[in-house]
Each structure stands twice: as structure tokens, then as C-alpha cells.
């Protein structure tokens, strides 16, 4: 299989995608294997497929879709992707639970990032382009390096610094 035009347009290698896909399916059940994805309001139809189609894409990639960010649903925020439009809207970033789970390790990513992940079959935290890394949070930790599962605790049991939000807001204003 080869499609040089698509490879140039979308910045990927078909050969590498096929290799990545085989590895991801073997190791994790798909590129999003082990990850949960919450789709924010108004993502569907905003230059993106319907919610049903996004959910099918997530499931086909081995991911689990989430209907809410309630404490009962979120067992491991470090394995959670918050999917927003591209660009993210303030309303999406302010949805109930988004700031809390992000502070606890969830990653905010755009639909463009998701499509690039699907087309390359690789979760990228250093892609330099329009599909780039999640727009907020520590992108260096987006892909766990150890591969070891993290202990699951309730959100209320996690230790979060009360100054964390203040530091993040001041960092965002500078950047």
C-alpha cells in the first residue's frame, strides 16, 4: 500500500502506520487501548464527525468512551483523554469535571490530534504540526514511559496541591 499524496498532505508514512498498528493491536488492543476518552459538548459537527461516529472511531482504536466525568466513572485520570474541538472552546474546557480530572493527570486533546493519532496509529506528544500534542497539561507525560499500571484511587483520595490551578493559570497567560 502506498499513497504518497495523502502521506504528504497528512504528514504520515503508510508503511510506518501499518507497523505501528500491528504493534498497538498486539500490545494494547489498538492505538487507544487502555485509554478512556470523554468527548466534550459541541465537538461533534464542529468540523468533526457525529458523536456516534467519534465513539465508533475510539472503540475501533481500542479506546473506551465515557459519557461523564463523574467520580464514579473516572478511575484513572492519567489514562483519560478529554476530546475537544480544534481549537478548544472555553465552554469545553470549563465543562463539569474537566479542570479537576486534568489537574489529576487527564490530557486535553483536540479532534485534529485524534485524527492524526488514528492515521499514524501512534499516540504522539511531540508531533510538530496542526495535529500537535494536547494543548494543555504536561505533554511529556502523555505517553507513560514505564508501561506499568498506576494504582487506581478515587478522585477524592488524590493529593493535589491547592496552588496547582494558580500556577497553571499564570503559565497559560505567559504562553
N, C-alpha and C. Protein backbone atom coordinates (compact mmCIF):
# COMPACT_ATOMS: atom_id res chain seq x y z
N UNK A 1 0.84 -1.19 0.00
CA UNK A 1 0.00 0.00 0.00
C UNK A 1 0.88 1.24 0.00
N UNK A 2 0.47 2.19 -0.82
CA UNK A 2 1.23 3.43 -0.90
C UNK A 2 0.31 4.54 -1.39
N UNK A 3 0.39 5.68 -0.77
CA UNK A 3 -0.36 6.85 -1.20
C UNK A 3 0.47 8.08 -0.84
N UNK A 4 1.42 8.37 -1.69
CA UNK A 4 2.37 9.46 -1.43
C UNK A 4 1.67 10.80 -1.26
N UNK A 5 0.62 11.04 -2.04
CA UNK A 5 -0.09 12.32 -1.94
C UNK A 5 -0.71 12.49 -0.55
N UNK A 6 -1.40 11.45 -0.08
CA UNK A 6 -2.00 11.51 1.26
C UNK A 6 -0.92 11.60 2.32
N UNK A 7 0.17 10.85 2.13
CA UNK A 7 1.25 10.88 3.10
C UNK A 7 1.82 12.29 3.23
N UNK A 8 1.96 12.98 2.12
CA UNK A 8 2.49 14.36 2.14
C UNK A 8 1.46 15.32 2.75
N UNK A 9 0.21 15.17 2.35
CA UNK A 9 -0.85 16.06 2.82
C UNK A 9 -1.05 15.95 4.33
N UNK A 10 -1.06 14.72 4.83
CA UNK A 10 -1.38 14.49 6.24
C UNK A 10 -0.16 14.17 7.11
N UNK A 11 1.03 14.28 6.55
CA UNK A 11 2.26 14.13 7.30
C UNK A 11 2.36 12.79 8.03
N UNK A 12 2.31 11.69 7.26
CA UNK A 12 2.46 10.37 7.85
C UNK A 12 3.08 9.43 6.83
N UNK A 13 3.51 8.28 7.28
CA UNK A 13 4.05 7.24 6.42
C UNK A 13 3.14 6.02 6.51
N UNK A 14 2.59 5.60 5.38
CA UNK A 14 1.69 4.44 5.37
C UNK A 14 2.41 3.21 5.91
N UNK A 15 3.64 3.01 5.51
CA UNK A 15 4.41 1.86 5.98
C UNK A 15 4.54 1.90 7.51
N UNK A 16 4.90 3.06 8.05
CA UNK A 16 5.05 3.20 9.50
C UNK A 16 3.71 3.03 10.21
N UNK A 17 2.64 3.55 9.60
CA UNK A 17 1.31 3.40 10.19
C UNK A 17 0.93 1.93 10.31
N UNK A 18 1.19 1.16 9.27
CA UNK A 18 0.87 -0.27 9.31
C UNK A 18 1.68 -0.98 10.39
N UNK A 19 2.95 -0.64 10.51
CA UNK A 19 3.79 -1.24 11.54
C UNK A 19 3.31 -0.83 12.93
N UNK A 20 3.01 0.47 13.09
CA UNK A 20 2.51 0.96 14.39
C UNK A 20 1.21 0.28 14.76
N UNK A 21 0.31 0.11 13.78
CA UNK A 21 -0.99 -0.51 14.04
C UNK A 21 -0.86 -1.95 14.50
N UNK A 22 0.03 -2.69 13.85
CA UNK A 22 0.25 -4.09 14.24
C UNK A 22 0.76 -4.16 15.67
N UNK A 23 1.72 -3.31 15.99
CA UNK A 23 2.29 -3.28 17.34
C UNK A 23 1.24 -2.87 18.37
N UNK A 24 0.49 -1.81 18.07
CA UNK A 24 -0.53 -1.31 19.01
C UNK A 24 -1.60 -2.37 19.27
N UNK A 25 -2.05 -3.04 18.24
CA UNK A 25 -3.07 -4.09 18.43
C UNK A 25 -2.52 -5.26 19.24
N UNK A 26 -1.29 -5.64 18.97
CA UNK A 26 -0.68 -6.76 19.69
C UNK A 26 -0.44 -6.41 21.16
N UNK A 27 0.04 -5.21 21.43
CA UNK A 27 0.42 -4.84 22.80
C UNK A 27 -0.74 -4.30 23.64
N UNK A 28 -1.67 -3.57 23.00
CA UNK A 28 -2.70 -2.88 23.78
C UNK A 28 -4.12 -3.07 23.25
N UNK A 29 -4.27 -3.81 22.16
CA UNK A 29 -5.60 -3.96 21.58
C UNK A 29 -5.98 -2.79 20.69
N UNK A 30 -5.06 -1.94 20.35
CA UNK A 30 -5.30 -0.79 19.49
C UNK A 30 -4.54 0.43 19.99
N UNK A 31 -4.45 1.42 19.14
CA UNK A 31 -3.67 2.61 19.48
C UNK A 31 -4.20 3.31 20.73
N UNK A 32 -5.50 3.23 20.97
CA UNK A 32 -6.09 3.84 22.17
C UNK A 32 -6.37 2.80 23.26
N UNK A 33 -5.82 1.61 23.11
CA UNK A 33 -6.00 0.57 24.11
C UNK A 33 -5.52 1.03 25.47
N UNK A 34 -6.36 0.85 26.49
CA UNK A 34 -6.01 1.27 27.84
C UNK A 34 -6.40 2.71 28.15
N UNK A 35 -6.86 3.45 27.15
CA UNK A 35 -7.26 4.85 27.34
C UNK A 35 -8.77 4.97 27.34
N UNK A 36 -9.28 5.90 28.12
CA UNK A 36 -10.69 6.29 28.08
C UNK A 36 -10.75 7.67 27.45
N UNK A 37 -11.82 7.94 26.71
CA UNK A 37 -11.96 9.22 26.02
C UNK A 37 -13.32 9.82 26.34
N UNK A 38 -13.31 11.05 26.82
CA UNK A 38 -14.52 11.81 27.06
C UNK A 38 -14.64 12.85 25.97
N UNK A 39 -15.77 12.87 25.27
CA UNK A 39 -15.99 13.83 24.19
C UNK A 39 -16.78 15.01 24.75
N UNK A 40 -16.18 16.19 24.72
CA UNK A 40 -16.84 17.39 25.24
C UNK A 40 -18.05 17.76 24.39
N UNK A 41 -18.91 18.58 24.95
CA UNK A 41 -20.09 19.07 24.23
C UNK A 41 -19.66 19.89 23.03
N UNK A 42 -20.45 19.83 22.00
CA UNK A 42 -20.27 20.61 20.77
C UNK A 42 -19.00 20.29 20.00
N UNK A 43 -18.44 19.12 20.22
CA UNK A 43 -17.31 18.66 19.40
C UNK A 43 -17.87 18.13 18.08
N UNK A 44 -18.87 17.28 18.19
CA UNK A 44 -19.48 16.68 17.00
C UNK A 44 -20.10 17.77 16.13
N UNK A 45 -19.83 17.67 14.84
CA UNK A 45 -20.38 18.63 13.90
C UNK A 45 -19.59 19.92 13.80
N UNK A 46 -18.68 20.16 14.72
CA UNK A 46 -17.83 21.34 14.69
C UNK A 46 -16.54 20.95 13.96
N UNK A 47 -16.66 20.79 12.63
CA UNK A 47 -15.56 20.31 11.79
C UNK A 47 -15.11 18.91 12.24
N UNK A 48 -16.06 18.13 12.73
CA UNK A 48 -15.77 16.78 13.21
C UNK A 48 -16.99 15.89 12.92
N UNK A 49 -16.78 14.58 12.90
CA UNK A 49 -17.91 13.65 12.72
C UNK A 49 -18.90 13.74 13.89
N UNK A 50 -20.02 13.05 13.74
CA UNK A 50 -21.02 13.00 14.80
C UNK A 50 -20.45 12.31 16.04
N UNK A 51 -21.12 12.48 17.17
CA UNK A 51 -20.70 11.82 18.40
C UNK A 51 -20.68 10.30 18.21
N UNK A 52 -21.68 9.77 17.54
CA UNK A 52 -21.74 8.33 17.28
C UNK A 52 -20.52 7.88 16.48
N UNK A 53 -20.17 8.63 15.44
CA UNK A 53 -19.02 8.26 14.62
C UNK A 53 -17.71 8.40 15.39
N UNK A 54 -17.58 9.46 16.19
CA UNK A 54 -16.37 9.62 17.02
C UNK A 54 -16.24 8.44 17.99
N UNK A 55 -17.36 8.04 18.58
CA UNK A 55 -17.36 6.92 19.51
C UNK A 55 -16.94 5.63 18.80
N UNK A 56 -17.43 5.42 17.59
CA UNK A 56 -17.03 4.24 16.82
C UNK A 56 -15.53 4.26 16.52
N UNK A 57 -14.99 5.43 16.18
CA UNK A 57 -13.55 5.58 15.91
C UNK A 57 -12.76 5.22 17.17
N UNK A 58 -13.18 5.75 18.31
CA UNK A 58 -12.49 5.50 19.58
C UNK A 58 -12.51 4.01 19.91
N UNK A 59 -13.67 3.38 19.78
CA UNK A 59 -13.78 1.94 20.07
C UNK A 59 -12.97 1.11 19.09
N UNK A 60 -13.00 1.46 17.81
CA UNK A 60 -12.22 0.72 16.81
C UNK A 60 -10.72 0.81 17.09
N UNK A 61 -10.30 1.90 17.73
CA UNK A 61 -8.89 2.07 18.07
C UNK A 61 -8.54 1.46 19.42
N UNK A 62 -9.49 0.77 20.04
CA UNK A 62 -9.23 0.09 21.31
C UNK A 62 -9.53 0.92 22.54
N UNK A 63 -10.03 2.13 22.35
CA UNK A 63 -10.33 3.00 23.48
C UNK A 63 -11.73 2.76 24.04
N UNK A 64 -11.97 3.35 25.18
CA UNK A 64 -13.27 3.27 25.84
C UNK A 64 -13.85 4.67 25.88
N UNK A 65 -15.10 4.83 25.48
CA UNK A 65 -15.72 6.16 25.53
C UNK A 65 -16.40 6.34 26.88
N UNK A 66 -16.43 7.59 27.33
CA UNK A 66 -17.04 7.92 28.62
C UNK A 66 -18.15 8.94 28.39
N UNK A 67 -19.26 8.78 29.11
CA UNK A 67 -20.39 9.70 28.98
C UNK A 67 -20.33 10.84 29.97
N UNK A 68 -19.55 10.69 31.03
CA UNK A 68 -19.43 11.77 32.02
C UNK A 68 -18.08 11.68 32.71
N UNK A 69 -17.75 12.75 33.40
CA UNK A 69 -16.51 12.80 34.17
C UNK A 69 -16.78 12.70 35.66
N UNK A 70 -17.88 12.04 36.02
CA UNK A 70 -18.21 11.88 37.44
C UNK A 70 -17.15 11.02 38.10
N UNK A 71 -17.02 11.19 39.40
CA UNK A 71 -16.03 10.44 40.17
C UNK A 71 -16.24 8.94 40.02
N UNK A 72 -17.48 8.52 39.89
CA UNK A 72 -17.78 7.09 39.74
C UNK A 72 -17.26 6.55 38.41
N UNK A 73 -17.21 7.38 37.38
CA UNK A 73 -16.76 6.94 36.06
C UNK A 73 -15.25 7.00 35.88
N UNK A 74 -14.59 7.95 36.53
CA UNK A 74 -13.16 8.17 36.31
C UNK A 74 -12.36 7.44 37.38
N UNK A 75 -11.77 6.30 37.01
CA UNK A 75 -10.97 5.54 37.97
C UNK A 75 -9.50 5.86 37.85
N UNK A 76 -9.04 6.28 36.66
CA UNK A 76 -7.62 6.58 36.45
C UNK A 76 -7.48 7.78 35.51
N UNK A 77 -7.47 9.00 36.07
CA UNK A 77 -7.37 10.19 35.23
C UNK A 77 -6.12 10.22 34.35
N UNK A 78 -5.06 9.52 34.75
CA UNK A 78 -3.84 9.53 33.95
C UNK A 78 -4.01 8.77 32.64
N UNK A 79 -5.10 8.02 32.51
CA UNK A 79 -5.39 7.27 31.28
C UNK A 79 -6.66 7.79 30.62
N UNK A 80 -6.91 9.09 30.80
CA UNK A 80 -8.12 9.73 30.28
C UNK A 80 -7.75 10.85 29.32
N UNK A 81 -8.40 10.87 28.17
CA UNK A 81 -8.23 11.94 27.19
C UNK A 81 -9.54 12.70 27.12
N UNK A 82 -9.47 14.01 27.27
CA UNK A 82 -10.62 14.90 27.13
C UNK A 82 -10.57 15.41 25.70
N UNK A 83 -11.53 15.06 24.86
CA UNK A 83 -11.52 15.43 23.46
C UNK A 83 -12.33 16.69 23.23
N UNK A 84 -11.67 17.71 22.66
CA UNK A 84 -12.31 18.98 22.37
C UNK A 84 -12.28 19.25 20.87
N UNK A 85 -12.95 20.32 20.47
CA UNK A 85 -12.87 20.79 19.09
C UNK A 85 -11.47 21.31 18.84
N UNK A 86 -11.19 21.64 17.61
CA UNK A 86 -9.92 22.29 17.28
C UNK A 86 -10.25 23.57 16.54
N UNK A 87 -10.08 24.70 17.25
CA UNK A 87 -9.50 24.85 18.58
C UNK A 87 -10.52 24.55 19.68
N UNK A 88 -9.98 24.25 20.86
CA UNK A 88 -10.83 24.02 22.04
C UNK A 88 -11.60 25.29 22.34
N UNK A 89 -12.83 25.14 22.80
CA UNK A 89 -13.60 26.31 23.21
C UNK A 89 -13.50 26.47 24.72
N UNK A 90 -13.70 27.70 25.20
CA UNK A 90 -13.69 27.93 26.64
C UNK A 90 -14.77 27.11 27.33
N UNK A 91 -15.94 26.99 26.70
CA UNK A 91 -17.03 26.22 27.29
C UNK A 91 -16.61 24.75 27.47
N UNK A 92 -15.91 24.19 26.50
CA UNK A 92 -15.47 22.80 26.61
C UNK A 92 -14.47 22.65 27.75
N UNK A 93 -13.55 23.57 27.87
CA UNK A 93 -12.53 23.50 28.91
C UNK A 93 -13.10 23.76 30.30
N UNK A 94 -14.29 24.36 30.36
CA UNK A 94 -14.94 24.66 31.64
C UNK A 94 -16.06 23.68 31.98
N UNK A 95 -16.26 22.66 31.15
CA UNK A 95 -17.30 21.67 31.45
C UNK A 95 -17.06 21.05 32.82
N UNK A 96 -18.17 20.60 33.44
CA UNK A 96 -18.07 19.97 34.76
C UNK A 96 -17.05 18.84 34.74
N UNK A 97 -16.09 18.91 35.65
CA UNK A 97 -15.12 17.85 35.84
C UNK A 97 -13.85 17.97 35.02
N UNK A 98 -13.83 18.77 33.94
CA UNK A 98 -12.65 18.83 33.06
C UNK A 98 -11.42 19.35 33.82
N UNK A 99 -11.55 20.47 34.49
CA UNK A 99 -10.38 21.02 35.21
C UNK A 99 -9.91 20.07 36.31
N UNK A 100 -10.83 19.45 37.00
CA UNK A 100 -10.46 18.53 38.09
C UNK A 100 -9.68 17.34 37.56
N UNK A 101 -10.21 16.66 36.54
CA UNK A 101 -9.52 15.47 36.05
C UNK A 101 -8.23 15.83 35.33
N UNK A 102 -8.20 17.01 34.71
CA UNK A 102 -6.94 17.44 34.08
C UNK A 102 -5.87 17.66 35.14
N UNK A 103 -6.25 18.28 36.23
CA UNK A 103 -5.32 18.53 37.33
C UNK A 103 -4.80 17.20 37.89
N UNK A 104 -5.60 16.15 37.78
CA UNK A 104 -5.24 14.83 38.31
C UNK A 104 -4.53 13.96 37.27
N UNK A 105 -4.28 14.51 36.09
CA UNK A 105 -3.50 13.77 35.09
C UNK A 105 -4.15 13.53 33.75
N UNK A 106 -5.43 13.85 33.59
CA UNK A 106 -6.08 13.68 32.30
C UNK A 106 -5.47 14.64 31.29
N UNK A 107 -5.53 14.26 30.02
CA UNK A 107 -4.94 15.07 28.96
C UNK A 107 -6.05 15.65 28.10
N UNK A 108 -5.93 16.92 27.75
CA UNK A 108 -6.87 17.57 26.85
C UNK A 108 -6.28 17.51 25.45
N UNK A 109 -7.05 16.98 24.51
CA UNK A 109 -6.58 16.85 23.13
C UNK A 109 -7.71 17.26 22.18
N UNK A 110 -7.32 17.69 20.99
CA UNK A 110 -8.30 18.13 20.00
C UNK A 110 -8.65 17.00 19.04
N UNK A 111 -9.72 17.21 18.28
CA UNK A 111 -10.10 16.23 17.26
C UNK A 111 -8.99 16.09 16.22
N UNK A 112 -8.30 17.15 15.90
CA UNK A 112 -7.20 17.06 14.94
C UNK A 112 -6.13 16.13 15.48
N UNK A 113 -5.83 16.23 16.77
CA UNK A 113 -4.86 15.33 17.39
C UNK A 113 -5.35 13.88 17.29
N UNK A 114 -6.66 13.67 17.57
CA UNK A 114 -7.22 12.32 17.48
C UNK A 114 -7.06 11.76 16.07
N UNK A 115 -7.40 12.54 15.06
CA UNK A 115 -7.31 12.06 13.68
C UNK A 115 -5.87 11.75 13.30
N UNK A 116 -4.93 12.55 13.77
CA UNK A 116 -3.52 12.27 13.49
C UNK A 116 -3.09 10.98 14.20
N UNK A 117 -3.57 10.78 15.41
CA UNK A 117 -3.27 9.55 16.14
C UNK A 117 -3.81 8.34 15.38
N UNK A 118 -5.01 8.45 14.85
CA UNK A 118 -5.61 7.34 14.11
C UNK A 118 -4.85 7.10 12.80
N UNK A 119 -4.52 8.15 12.09
CA UNK A 119 -3.87 7.98 10.78
C UNK A 119 -2.44 7.49 10.90
N UNK A 120 -1.79 7.75 12.05
CA UNK A 120 -0.41 7.27 12.25
C UNK A 120 -0.36 6.01 13.12
N UNK A 121 -1.47 5.71 13.79
CA UNK A 121 -1.54 4.59 14.72
C UNK A 121 -0.50 4.73 15.83
N UNK A 122 -0.29 5.98 16.24
CA UNK A 122 0.69 6.26 17.29
C UNK A 122 0.21 7.47 18.09
N UNK A 123 0.22 7.34 19.42
CA UNK A 123 -0.11 8.48 20.27
C UNK A 123 1.11 9.37 20.30
N UNK A 124 0.93 10.58 19.83
CA UNK A 124 2.05 11.49 19.69
C UNK A 124 1.95 12.63 20.69
N UNK A 125 3.04 12.87 21.39
CA UNK A 125 3.09 14.03 22.28
C UNK A 125 4.13 15.02 21.80
N UNK A 126 4.77 14.75 20.68
CA UNK A 126 5.78 15.67 20.18
C UNK A 126 5.62 15.99 18.70
N UNK A 127 4.48 15.63 18.11
CA UNK A 127 4.21 15.93 16.71
C UNK A 127 4.20 17.45 16.53
N UNK A 128 4.93 17.92 15.56
CA UNK A 128 5.05 19.35 15.35
C UNK A 128 4.21 19.77 14.14
N UNK A 129 2.95 20.02 14.36
CA UNK A 129 2.08 20.40 13.27
C UNK A 129 0.69 20.69 13.78
N UNK A 130 -0.25 20.87 12.89
CA UNK A 130 -1.59 21.26 13.29
C UNK A 130 -2.28 20.20 14.15
N UNK A 131 -1.86 18.96 14.03
CA UNK A 131 -2.48 17.91 14.82
C UNK A 131 -1.79 17.77 16.16
N UNK A 132 -0.84 18.61 16.44
CA UNK A 132 0.05 18.59 17.57
C UNK A 132 -0.43 17.95 18.85
N UNK A 133 0.32 18.13 19.88
CA UNK A 133 0.04 17.49 21.16
C UNK A 133 -1.17 18.10 21.83
N UNK A 134 -1.65 17.46 22.87
CA UNK A 134 -2.71 18.10 23.64
C UNK A 134 -2.31 19.52 23.99
N UNK A 135 -3.26 20.41 23.98
CA UNK A 135 -2.96 21.84 24.13
C UNK A 135 -2.63 22.25 25.55
N UNK A 136 -3.02 21.43 26.54
CA UNK A 136 -2.75 21.80 27.92
C UNK A 136 -2.16 20.62 28.64
N UNK A 137 -1.58 20.89 29.80
CA UNK A 137 -1.04 19.80 30.61
C UNK A 137 0.38 19.47 30.22
N UNK A 138 0.93 18.50 30.89
CA UNK A 138 2.31 18.08 30.66
C UNK A 138 2.34 17.07 29.53
N UNK A 139 2.65 17.52 28.32
CA UNK A 139 2.64 16.63 27.17
C UNK A 139 3.76 15.62 27.23
N UNK A 140 4.84 15.90 27.97
CA UNK A 140 5.92 14.93 28.08
C UNK A 140 5.46 13.65 28.77
N UNK A 141 4.43 13.74 29.59
CA UNK A 141 3.97 12.55 30.29
C UNK A 141 2.74 11.95 29.63
N UNK A 142 2.38 12.41 28.44
CA UNK A 142 1.18 11.91 27.79
C UNK A 142 1.27 10.41 27.52
N UNK A 143 2.45 9.94 27.14
CA UNK A 143 2.64 8.51 26.94
C UNK A 143 3.46 7.99 28.11
N UNK A 144 2.88 7.16 28.96
CA UNK A 144 3.64 6.64 30.09
C UNK A 144 4.87 5.87 29.60
N UNK A 145 6.03 6.19 30.12
CA UNK A 145 7.26 5.55 29.68
C UNK A 145 7.45 4.17 30.32
N UNK A 146 6.95 3.99 31.53
CA UNK A 146 7.19 2.74 32.25
C UNK A 146 6.32 1.60 31.76
N UNK A 147 5.13 1.95 31.27
CA UNK A 147 4.20 0.91 30.85
C UNK A 147 3.55 0.19 32.02
N UNK A 148 3.92 0.57 33.25
CA UNK A 148 3.37 -0.07 34.44
C UNK A 148 2.02 0.55 34.78
N UNK A 149 1.06 -0.27 35.20
CA UNK A 149 -0.23 0.29 35.58
C UNK A 149 -0.09 1.10 36.86
N UNK A 150 -0.85 2.16 36.93
CA UNK A 150 -0.82 3.01 38.12
C UNK A 150 -1.91 2.58 39.07
N UNK A 151 -1.69 2.81 40.35
CA UNK A 151 -2.68 2.46 41.36
C UNK A 151 -3.94 3.27 41.12
N UNK A 152 -5.09 2.62 41.21
CA UNK A 152 -6.35 3.31 41.00
C UNK A 152 -6.88 3.80 42.34
N UNK A 153 -7.16 5.08 42.38
CA UNK A 153 -7.73 5.67 43.59
C UNK A 153 -8.89 6.56 43.18
N UNK A 154 -9.81 6.79 44.08
CA UNK A 154 -10.90 7.71 43.83
C UNK A 154 -10.33 9.11 43.70
N UNK A 155 -11.03 9.96 42.95
CA UNK A 155 -10.57 11.33 42.77
C UNK A 155 -10.39 12.04 44.12
N UNK A 156 -11.31 11.77 45.05
CA UNK A 156 -11.25 12.43 46.35
C UNK A 156 -10.03 11.99 47.17
N UNK A 157 -9.41 10.86 46.82
CA UNK A 157 -8.25 10.36 47.57
C UNK A 157 -6.93 10.89 47.02
N UNK A 158 -6.98 11.55 45.88
CA UNK A 158 -5.74 12.02 45.25
C UNK A 158 -5.25 13.30 45.92
N UNK A 159 -3.95 13.41 46.03
CA UNK A 159 -3.34 14.55 46.68
C UNK A 159 -2.99 15.60 45.63
N UNK A 160 -3.72 16.72 45.62
CA UNK A 160 -3.49 17.77 44.64
C UNK A 160 -3.20 19.06 45.38
N UNK A 161 -2.15 19.73 44.98
CA UNK A 161 -1.76 20.98 45.61
C UNK A 161 -2.82 22.05 45.36
N UNK A 162 -3.24 22.80 46.38
CA UNK A 162 -4.23 23.86 46.18
C UNK A 162 -3.70 24.98 45.29
N UNK A 163 -2.39 25.09 45.15
CA UNK A 163 -1.81 26.14 44.31
C UNK A 163 -1.63 25.70 42.87
N UNK A 164 -1.97 24.47 42.56
CA UNK A 164 -1.76 23.93 41.21
C UNK A 164 -2.46 24.78 40.16
N UNK A 165 -3.77 25.11 40.37
CA UNK A 165 -4.51 25.90 39.40
C UNK A 165 -3.92 27.28 39.21
N UNK A 166 -3.45 27.90 40.30
CA UNK A 166 -2.88 29.25 40.21
C UNK A 166 -1.63 29.23 39.34
N UNK A 167 -0.77 28.21 39.53
CA UNK A 167 0.46 28.09 38.72
C UNK A 167 0.10 27.88 37.26
N UNK A 168 -0.87 27.02 36.98
CA UNK A 168 -1.26 26.72 35.60
C UNK A 168 -1.82 27.97 34.93
N UNK A 169 -2.66 28.73 35.64
CA UNK A 169 -3.24 29.94 35.04
C UNK A 169 -2.16 30.96 34.72
N UNK A 170 -1.18 31.13 35.62
CA UNK A 170 -0.12 32.11 35.35
C UNK A 170 0.77 31.64 34.20
N UNK A 171 0.97 30.34 34.07
CA UNK A 171 1.75 29.80 32.96
C UNK A 171 1.03 30.02 31.64
N UNK A 172 -0.31 29.80 31.63
CA UNK A 172 -1.07 29.96 30.40
C UNK A 172 -1.05 31.41 29.94
N UNK A 173 -1.11 32.36 30.86
CA UNK A 173 -1.12 33.77 30.48
C UNK A 173 0.19 34.18 29.83
N UNK A 174 1.30 33.56 30.28
CA UNK A 174 2.61 33.91 29.71
C UNK A 174 2.77 33.34 28.33
N UNK A 175 2.23 32.12 28.06
CA UNK A 175 2.42 31.39 26.81
C UNK A 175 1.42 31.70 25.83
